[in-house]
C-alpha cells in the first residue's frame, strides 16, 4: 500500500481522534505478550501525548519495549490505528506546556489534568510522547462515502 502525504489525512485523523478521544493502547509485557489499556492521547499533528501515572506497569513495559499500538473505534465505523514509539518526557517546561494544552483544548479531547494529578504541572505525573511510524484511517463508513477502505501515512 502506498503511503499518503500527511496533509491528505491530517484533518480527518485529528477530527476522529478528537471525537473518539479514548483509545486502546497495547504494550508488550515481560513475557512478550500484549497488554492493553484505555488511554486518552492528545495529538499535535503527528505527535501524540498521554498524561498518565509515571510509576506504573506501563513504565516497566516501555522500558523493555517502547513500541505501542493504538486503536480508536466508534459506532460510525471510522477507525484509527497508530503504530508508535513511546518515550517518557520528563522536561519540566514541556510538561507545563502540555498541562496548559490539555486544559485549553476544548472537551472532550481536552480536560483539567488536575482532576487526576492534584500536584499540578510540577507534581508526580507522567507524560508519554508518541512518535508514530504509521497511521491508518479505515472503516466501512469510508467505503460507503466512496473513499478507499484504508488510508495510510508512514514515516
N, C-alpha and C. Protein backbone atom coordinates (compact mmCIF):
# COMPACT_ATOMS: atom_id res chain seq x y z
N UNK A 1 0.84 -1.18 0.00
CA UNK A 1 0.00 0.00 0.00
C UNK A 1 0.89 1.24 0.00
N UNK A 2 0.54 2.19 -0.82
CA UNK A 2 1.28 3.44 -0.93
C UNK A 2 0.99 4.33 0.27
N UNK A 3 2.02 4.97 0.80
CA UNK A 3 1.87 5.91 1.89
C UNK A 3 1.38 7.25 1.34
N UNK A 4 0.37 7.81 1.97
CA UNK A 4 -0.16 9.10 1.58
C UNK A 4 0.62 10.21 2.27
N UNK A 5 0.67 11.39 1.68
CA UNK A 5 1.26 12.53 2.39
C UNK A 5 0.43 12.84 3.64
N UNK A 6 1.10 13.27 4.70
CA UNK A 6 0.42 13.58 5.96
C UNK A 6 -0.74 14.56 5.72
N UNK A 7 -0.53 15.55 4.88
CA UNK A 7 -1.55 16.57 4.63
C UNK A 7 -2.86 15.98 4.09
N UNK A 8 -2.80 14.81 3.48
CA UNK A 8 -4.02 14.20 2.93
C UNK A 8 -4.89 13.52 3.99
N UNK A 9 -4.30 13.19 5.14
CA UNK A 9 -5.12 12.54 6.16
C UNK A 9 -5.17 13.33 7.47
N UNK A 10 -4.39 14.38 7.58
CA UNK A 10 -4.27 15.12 8.85
C UNK A 10 -5.61 15.58 9.40
N UNK A 11 -6.40 16.29 8.63
CA UNK A 11 -7.66 16.83 9.13
C UNK A 11 -8.60 15.73 9.61
N UNK A 12 -8.70 14.65 8.84
CA UNK A 12 -9.59 13.55 9.24
C UNK A 12 -9.05 12.82 10.47
N UNK A 13 -7.72 12.62 10.53
CA UNK A 13 -7.10 12.00 11.70
C UNK A 13 -7.42 12.80 12.96
N UNK A 14 -7.19 14.10 12.91
CA UNK A 14 -7.43 14.93 14.09
C UNK A 14 -8.92 14.99 14.43
N UNK A 15 -9.78 15.04 13.42
CA UNK A 15 -11.22 15.05 13.69
C UNK A 15 -11.66 13.77 14.39
N UNK A 16 -11.18 12.63 13.89
CA UNK A 16 -11.57 11.35 14.51
C UNK A 16 -11.02 11.21 15.92
N UNK A 17 -9.75 11.52 16.12
CA UNK A 17 -9.16 11.32 17.46
C UNK A 17 -9.75 12.29 18.47
N UNK A 18 -10.13 13.48 18.03
CA UNK A 18 -10.76 14.45 18.95
C UNK A 18 -12.20 14.07 19.26
N UNK A 19 -12.87 13.40 18.32
CA UNK A 19 -14.24 12.97 18.55
C UNK A 19 -14.30 11.68 19.38
N UNK A 20 -13.46 10.71 19.03
CA UNK A 20 -13.49 9.42 19.71
C UNK A 20 -12.80 9.51 21.07
N UNK A 21 -11.70 10.22 21.15
CA UNK A 21 -10.93 10.55 22.35
C UNK A 21 -10.20 9.35 22.96
N UNK A 22 -10.93 8.40 23.48
CA UNK A 22 -10.34 7.27 24.19
C UNK A 22 -9.95 6.17 23.19
N UNK A 23 -8.78 5.58 23.42
CA UNK A 23 -8.34 4.51 22.52
C UNK A 23 -7.72 3.37 23.34
N UNK A 24 -7.65 2.22 22.72
CA UNK A 24 -6.97 1.08 23.32
C UNK A 24 -5.49 1.19 22.95
N UNK A 25 -4.64 1.10 23.96
CA UNK A 25 -3.19 1.17 23.76
C UNK A 25 -2.59 -0.15 24.22
N UNK A 26 -1.82 -0.76 23.34
CA UNK A 26 -1.17 -2.04 23.66
C UNK A 26 0.33 -1.83 23.85
N UNK A 27 0.85 -2.44 24.91
CA UNK A 27 2.29 -2.53 25.14
C UNK A 27 2.63 -4.01 25.14
N UNK A 28 3.90 -4.32 25.32
CA UNK A 28 4.35 -5.70 25.39
C UNK A 28 4.88 -5.95 26.80
N UNK A 29 4.40 -7.00 27.46
CA UNK A 29 4.84 -7.27 28.84
C UNK A 29 6.16 -8.04 28.86
N UNK A 30 6.63 -8.35 30.05
CA UNK A 30 7.93 -9.01 30.20
C UNK A 30 7.96 -10.42 29.64
N UNK A 31 6.78 -11.01 29.39
CA UNK A 31 6.70 -12.34 28.78
C UNK A 31 6.54 -12.27 27.26
N UNK A 32 6.57 -11.04 26.72
CA UNK A 32 6.40 -10.88 25.28
C UNK A 32 4.95 -10.90 24.83
N UNK A 33 4.02 -10.79 25.77
CA UNK A 33 2.60 -10.82 25.44
C UNK A 33 2.04 -9.40 25.42
N UNK A 34 1.06 -9.15 24.54
CA UNK A 34 0.46 -7.81 24.51
C UNK A 34 -0.41 -7.57 25.73
N UNK A 35 -0.38 -6.32 26.20
CA UNK A 35 -1.23 -5.87 27.30
C UNK A 35 -1.91 -4.60 26.86
N UNK A 36 -3.20 -4.51 27.05
CA UNK A 36 -3.94 -3.34 26.59
C UNK A 36 -4.55 -2.58 27.76
N UNK A 37 -4.79 -1.30 27.49
CA UNK A 37 -5.50 -0.45 28.43
C UNK A 37 -6.11 0.70 27.63
N UNK A 38 -7.08 1.39 28.22
CA UNK A 38 -7.74 2.51 27.57
C UNK A 38 -7.05 3.80 28.05
N UNK A 39 -6.60 4.62 27.08
CA UNK A 39 -5.94 5.88 27.40
C UNK A 39 -6.48 7.00 26.52
N UNK A 40 -6.05 8.21 26.84
CA UNK A 40 -6.60 9.42 26.23
C UNK A 40 -5.48 10.29 25.68
N UNK A 41 -4.98 9.99 24.49
CA UNK A 41 -3.93 10.83 23.90
C UNK A 41 -4.48 12.17 23.42
N UNK A 42 -3.61 13.15 23.42
CA UNK A 42 -3.88 14.45 22.81
C UNK A 42 -2.86 14.60 21.69
N UNK A 43 -3.32 14.97 20.50
CA UNK A 43 -2.44 14.99 19.33
C UNK A 43 -2.13 16.41 18.90
N UNK A 44 -0.85 16.63 18.59
CA UNK A 44 -0.37 17.85 17.93
C UNK A 44 0.25 17.37 16.62
N UNK A 45 -0.53 17.43 15.56
CA UNK A 45 -0.05 16.88 14.30
C UNK A 45 0.20 15.39 14.45
N UNK A 46 1.40 14.93 14.09
CA UNK A 46 1.70 13.50 14.22
C UNK A 46 2.29 13.14 15.57
N UNK A 47 2.42 14.10 16.47
CA UNK A 47 2.95 13.80 17.81
C UNK A 47 1.80 13.63 18.78
N UNK A 48 1.80 12.50 19.49
CA UNK A 48 0.78 12.24 20.49
C UNK A 48 1.34 12.41 21.88
N UNK A 49 0.49 12.81 22.80
CA UNK A 49 0.87 12.99 24.20
C UNK A 49 -0.15 12.27 25.08
N UNK A 50 0.34 11.54 26.07
CA UNK A 50 -0.54 10.87 27.02
C UNK A 50 -0.12 11.25 28.43
N UNK A 51 -1.03 11.87 29.16
CA UNK A 51 -0.82 12.15 30.58
C UNK A 51 -1.24 10.90 31.34
N UNK A 52 -0.33 10.37 32.16
CA UNK A 52 -0.61 9.09 32.80
C UNK A 52 0.24 8.95 34.06
N UNK A 53 -0.02 7.92 34.84
CA UNK A 53 0.81 7.64 36.00
C UNK A 53 2.23 7.32 35.56
N UNK A 54 3.20 7.95 36.19
CA UNK A 54 4.60 7.76 35.78
C UNK A 54 5.15 6.43 36.27
N UNK A 55 4.76 6.00 37.44
CA UNK A 55 5.30 4.77 38.01
C UNK A 55 4.20 3.70 37.96
N UNK A 56 4.14 3.05 36.81
CA UNK A 56 3.05 2.11 36.53
C UNK A 56 3.61 0.90 35.80
N UNK A 57 2.74 -0.05 35.54
CA UNK A 57 3.13 -1.20 34.75
C UNK A 57 3.57 -0.78 33.35
N UNK A 58 2.92 0.26 32.82
CA UNK A 58 3.34 0.79 31.51
C UNK A 58 4.83 1.15 31.52
N UNK A 59 5.28 1.74 32.60
CA UNK A 59 6.69 2.15 32.70
C UNK A 59 7.61 0.95 32.54
N UNK A 60 7.29 -0.15 33.18
CA UNK A 60 8.10 -1.37 33.06
C UNK A 60 8.05 -1.93 31.64
N UNK A 61 6.87 -1.96 31.05
CA UNK A 61 6.74 -2.47 29.69
C UNK A 61 7.54 -1.62 28.71
N UNK A 62 7.39 -0.31 28.80
CA UNK A 62 8.05 0.58 27.85
C UNK A 62 9.56 0.61 28.02
N UNK A 63 10.04 0.34 29.22
CA UNK A 63 11.49 0.28 29.43
C UNK A 63 12.10 -0.88 28.64
N UNK A 64 11.34 -1.96 28.51
CA UNK A 64 11.84 -3.13 27.78
C UNK A 64 11.53 -3.06 26.28
N UNK A 65 10.39 -2.43 25.93
CA UNK A 65 9.98 -2.34 24.53
C UNK A 65 9.15 -1.07 24.36
N UNK A 66 9.70 -0.04 23.73
CA UNK A 66 8.99 1.24 23.63
C UNK A 66 7.90 1.30 22.57
N UNK A 67 7.66 0.21 21.86
CA UNK A 67 6.66 0.21 20.79
C UNK A 67 5.26 0.03 21.34
N UNK A 68 4.34 0.85 20.84
CA UNK A 68 2.94 0.75 21.24
C UNK A 68 2.05 0.71 20.00
N UNK A 69 0.86 0.19 20.18
CA UNK A 69 -0.14 0.16 19.13
C UNK A 69 -1.41 0.76 19.71
N UNK A 70 -2.01 1.70 18.98
CA UNK A 70 -3.23 2.36 19.42
C UNK A 70 -4.35 2.06 18.45
N UNK A 71 -5.55 1.90 19.00
CA UNK A 71 -6.72 1.61 18.18
C UNK A 71 -7.89 2.44 18.67
N UNK A 72 -8.41 3.29 17.79
CA UNK A 72 -9.62 4.06 18.06
C UNK A 72 -10.76 3.43 17.27
N UNK A 73 -11.91 3.29 17.91
CA UNK A 73 -13.09 2.74 17.24
C UNK A 73 -14.31 3.52 17.71
N UNK A 74 -15.26 3.69 16.80
CA UNK A 74 -16.54 4.26 17.20
C UNK A 74 -17.66 3.59 16.41
N UNK A 75 -18.90 3.75 16.87
CA UNK A 75 -20.02 3.10 16.19
C UNK A 75 -20.21 3.55 14.74
N UNK A 76 -19.62 4.68 14.36
CA UNK A 76 -19.72 5.14 12.98
C UNK A 76 -18.77 4.37 12.06
N UNK A 77 -18.00 3.46 12.64
CA UNK A 77 -17.03 2.66 11.88
C UNK A 77 -15.99 3.55 11.20
N UNK A 78 -15.52 4.54 11.94
CA UNK A 78 -14.43 5.39 11.46
C UNK A 78 -13.25 5.12 12.39
N UNK A 79 -12.42 4.19 11.99
CA UNK A 79 -11.35 3.70 12.85
C UNK A 79 -10.04 4.44 12.59
N UNK A 80 -9.19 4.44 13.62
CA UNK A 80 -7.84 4.97 13.52
C UNK A 80 -6.91 3.97 14.18
N UNK A 81 -5.81 3.65 13.51
CA UNK A 81 -4.79 2.77 14.07
C UNK A 81 -3.45 3.49 14.00
N UNK A 82 -2.70 3.41 15.08
CA UNK A 82 -1.40 4.09 15.14
C UNK A 82 -0.37 3.12 15.67
N UNK A 83 0.77 3.04 15.00
CA UNK A 83 1.94 2.31 15.49
C UNK A 83 2.97 3.38 15.84
N UNK A 84 3.50 3.34 17.07
CA UNK A 84 4.37 4.42 17.51
C UNK A 84 5.41 3.95 18.51
N UNK A 85 6.44 4.76 18.64
CA UNK A 85 7.41 4.59 19.72
C UNK A 85 6.96 5.54 20.84
N UNK A 86 7.01 5.05 22.06
CA UNK A 86 6.62 5.86 23.22
C UNK A 86 7.86 6.13 24.07
N UNK A 87 7.96 7.37 24.52
CA UNK A 87 9.09 7.75 25.39
C UNK A 87 8.58 8.70 26.46
N UNK A 88 9.10 8.55 27.66
CA UNK A 88 8.72 9.44 28.74
C UNK A 88 9.34 10.81 28.50
N UNK A 89 8.53 11.84 28.64
CA UNK A 89 9.00 13.22 28.52
C UNK A 89 9.07 13.79 29.94
N UNK A 90 10.28 14.01 30.43
CA UNK A 90 10.45 14.48 31.80
C UNK A 90 10.88 15.94 31.90
N UNK A 91 11.02 16.62 30.75
CA UNK A 91 11.41 18.03 30.77
C UNK A 91 10.28 18.86 31.39
N UNK A 92 10.58 19.59 32.45
CA UNK A 92 9.56 20.34 33.19
C UNK A 92 8.85 21.37 32.31
N UNK A 93 9.58 22.05 31.43
CA UNK A 93 8.95 23.06 30.57
C UNK A 93 7.96 22.41 29.60
N UNK A 94 8.32 21.26 29.05
CA UNK A 94 7.41 20.56 28.14
C UNK A 94 6.18 20.08 28.90
N UNK A 95 6.37 19.56 30.10
CA UNK A 95 5.23 19.09 30.89
C UNK A 95 4.29 20.24 31.24
N UNK A 96 4.84 21.41 31.58
CA UNK A 96 3.99 22.57 31.87
C UNK A 96 3.22 23.00 30.62
N UNK A 97 3.90 22.98 29.46
CA UNK A 97 3.23 23.35 28.22
C UNK A 97 2.07 22.40 27.91
N UNK A 98 2.32 21.10 28.09
CA UNK A 98 1.26 20.12 27.81
C UNK A 98 0.14 20.20 28.84
N UNK A 99 0.47 20.49 30.08
CA UNK A 99 -0.56 20.68 31.11
C UNK A 99 -1.51 21.79 30.66
N UNK A 100 -0.93 22.91 30.20
CA UNK A 100 -1.75 24.03 29.72
C UNK A 100 -2.52 23.65 28.46
N UNK A 101 -1.89 22.90 27.56
CA UNK A 101 -2.57 22.49 26.33
C UNK A 101 -3.78 21.60 26.63
N UNK A 102 -3.62 20.63 27.53
CA UNK A 102 -4.76 19.80 27.91
C UNK A 102 -5.89 20.66 28.45
N UNK A 103 -5.55 21.65 29.29
CA UNK A 103 -6.57 22.50 29.90
C UNK A 103 -7.24 23.46 28.93
N UNK A 104 -6.52 23.87 27.88
CA UNK A 104 -7.09 24.85 26.95
C UNK A 104 -7.74 24.21 25.73
N UNK A 105 -7.54 22.92 25.53
CA UNK A 105 -8.17 22.22 24.41
C UNK A 105 -9.63 21.93 24.77
N UNK A 106 -10.57 22.26 23.88
CA UNK A 106 -11.98 22.01 24.19
C UNK A 106 -12.26 20.53 24.46
N UNK A 107 -13.22 20.30 25.37
CA UNK A 107 -13.68 18.93 25.64
C UNK A 107 -14.31 18.38 24.38
N UNK A 108 -14.32 17.10 24.18
CA UNK A 108 -13.88 16.07 25.09
C UNK A 108 -12.39 15.74 25.00
N UNK A 109 -11.67 16.27 24.00
CA UNK A 109 -10.24 15.93 23.89
C UNK A 109 -9.44 16.55 25.04
N UNK A 110 -9.76 17.78 25.40
CA UNK A 110 -9.06 18.44 26.49
C UNK A 110 -9.80 18.26 27.80
N UNK A 111 -9.07 18.38 28.88
CA UNK A 111 -9.67 18.29 30.21
C UNK A 111 -8.66 18.82 31.23
N UNK A 112 -9.11 18.99 32.47
CA UNK A 112 -8.27 19.50 33.54
C UNK A 112 -7.46 18.35 34.13
N UNK A 113 -6.15 18.34 33.86
CA UNK A 113 -5.30 17.26 34.40
C UNK A 113 -5.27 17.26 35.93
N UNK A 114 -5.58 18.40 36.54
CA UNK A 114 -5.62 18.48 38.00
C UNK A 114 -6.66 17.55 38.62
N UNK A 115 -7.66 17.15 37.83
CA UNK A 115 -8.67 16.20 38.33
C UNK A 115 -8.03 14.84 38.63
N UNK A 116 -6.93 14.53 37.94
CA UNK A 116 -6.27 13.23 38.11
C UNK A 116 -4.91 13.36 38.80
N UNK A 117 -4.28 14.51 38.64
CA UNK A 117 -2.94 14.73 39.19
C UNK A 117 -2.97 16.01 40.03
N UNK A 118 -3.41 15.91 41.30
CA UNK A 118 -3.62 17.10 42.12
C UNK A 118 -2.34 17.88 42.45
N UNK A 119 -1.18 17.32 42.18
CA UNK A 119 0.07 18.02 42.46
C UNK A 119 0.41 19.10 41.45
N UNK A 120 -0.42 19.27 40.43
CA UNK A 120 -0.20 20.30 39.44
C UNK A 120 0.85 19.91 38.41
N UNK A 121 1.20 20.84 37.54
CA UNK A 121 2.10 20.52 36.43
C UNK A 121 3.49 20.07 36.86
N UNK A 122 3.91 20.45 38.06
CA UNK A 122 5.23 20.04 38.55
C UNK A 122 5.14 18.85 39.52
N UNK A 123 3.94 18.26 39.61
CA UNK A 123 3.72 17.15 40.52
C UNK A 123 4.17 15.82 39.93
N UNK A 124 3.75 14.76 40.60
CA UNK A 124 4.14 13.40 40.21
C UNK A 124 3.14 12.83 39.21
N UNK A 125 3.41 13.09 37.95
CA UNK A 125 2.60 12.53 36.86
C UNK A 125 3.55 12.28 35.69
N UNK A 126 3.12 11.42 34.79
CA UNK A 126 3.96 11.08 33.66
C UNK A 126 3.40 11.63 32.37
N UNK A 127 4.29 11.93 31.46
CA UNK A 127 3.90 12.39 30.14
C UNK A 127 4.61 11.53 29.11
N UNK A 128 3.82 10.81 28.34
CA UNK A 128 4.36 9.97 27.27
C UNK A 128 4.27 10.72 25.95
N UNK A 129 5.37 10.69 25.22
CA UNK A 129 5.39 11.25 23.87
C UNK A 129 5.32 10.10 22.89
N UNK A 130 4.37 10.17 21.97
CA UNK A 130 4.19 9.15 20.95
C UNK A 130 4.72 9.68 19.62
N UNK A 131 5.62 8.91 19.01
CA UNK A 131 6.17 9.25 17.71
C UNK A 131 5.78 8.15 16.74
N UNK A 132 4.72 8.38 15.97
CA UNK A 132 4.21 7.34 15.06
C UNK A 132 5.14 7.04 13.89
N UNK A 133 5.11 5.77 13.50
CA UNK A 133 5.76 5.35 12.26
C UNK A 133 4.70 5.03 11.21
N UNK A 134 3.46 4.85 11.67
CA UNK A 134 2.36 4.50 10.76
C UNK A 134 1.04 4.95 11.37
N UNK A 135 0.21 5.59 10.57
CA UNK A 135 -1.15 5.97 10.98
C UNK A 135 -2.09 5.52 9.87
N UNK A 136 -3.15 4.84 10.28
CA UNK A 136 -4.14 4.34 9.33
C UNK A 136 -5.53 4.84 9.69
N UNK A 137 -6.23 5.32 8.69
CA UNK A 137 -7.65 5.63 8.80
C UNK A 137 -8.38 4.57 8.00
N UNK A 138 -9.39 3.95 8.58
CA UNK A 138 -10.12 2.94 7.83
C UNK A 138 -11.53 2.80 8.38
N UNK A 139 -12.33 2.03 7.66
CA UNK A 139 -13.66 1.74 8.15
C UNK A 139 -14.69 1.65 7.05
N UNK A 140 -15.77 0.99 7.38
CA UNK A 140 -16.86 0.80 6.43
C UNK A 140 -17.50 2.13 6.04
N UNK A 141 -17.51 3.09 6.97
CA UNK A 141 -18.09 4.40 6.64
C UNK A 141 -17.31 5.08 5.52
N UNK A 142 -16.00 4.85 5.50
CA UNK A 142 -15.18 5.42 4.42
C UNK A 142 -15.58 4.83 3.08
N UNK A 143 -15.72 3.53 3.04
CA UNK A 143 -16.11 2.86 1.80
C UNK A 143 -17.48 3.35 1.33
N UNK A 144 -18.41 3.49 2.27
CA UNK A 144 -19.75 3.96 1.91
C UNK A 144 -19.71 5.39 1.36
N UNK A 145 -18.71 6.17 1.80
CA UNK A 145 -18.56 7.55 1.33
C UNK A 145 -17.73 7.65 0.04
N UNK A 146 -17.35 6.49 -0.52
CA UNK A 146 -16.60 6.48 -1.76
C UNK A 146 -15.10 6.63 -1.58
N UNK A 147 -14.63 6.54 -0.34
CA UNK A 147 -13.20 6.61 -0.06
C UNK A 147 -12.62 5.20 -0.03
N UNK A 148 -11.31 5.08 -0.18
CA UNK A 148 -10.70 3.75 -0.01
C UNK A 148 -10.96 3.26 1.41
N UNK A 149 -11.07 1.94 1.56
CA UNK A 149 -11.29 1.36 2.89
C UNK A 149 -10.18 1.75 3.85
N UNK A 150 -8.96 1.83 3.34
CA UNK A 150 -7.79 2.08 4.19
C UNK A 150 -6.94 3.20 3.58
N UNK A 151 -6.62 4.21 4.39
CA UNK A 151 -5.70 5.27 4.00
C UNK A 151 -4.56 5.28 5.02
N UNK A 152 -3.32 5.23 4.54
CA UNK A 152 -2.17 5.04 5.42
C UNK A 152 -1.12 6.12 5.19
N UNK A 153 -0.60 6.63 6.29
CA UNK A 153 0.58 7.50 6.28
C UNK A 153 1.69 6.77 7.01
N UNK A 154 2.89 6.83 6.45
CA UNK A 154 4.07 6.22 7.09
C UNK A 154 5.20 7.22 7.09
N UNK A 155 6.07 7.07 8.06
CA UNK A 155 7.29 7.89 8.10
C UNK A 155 8.19 7.48 6.96
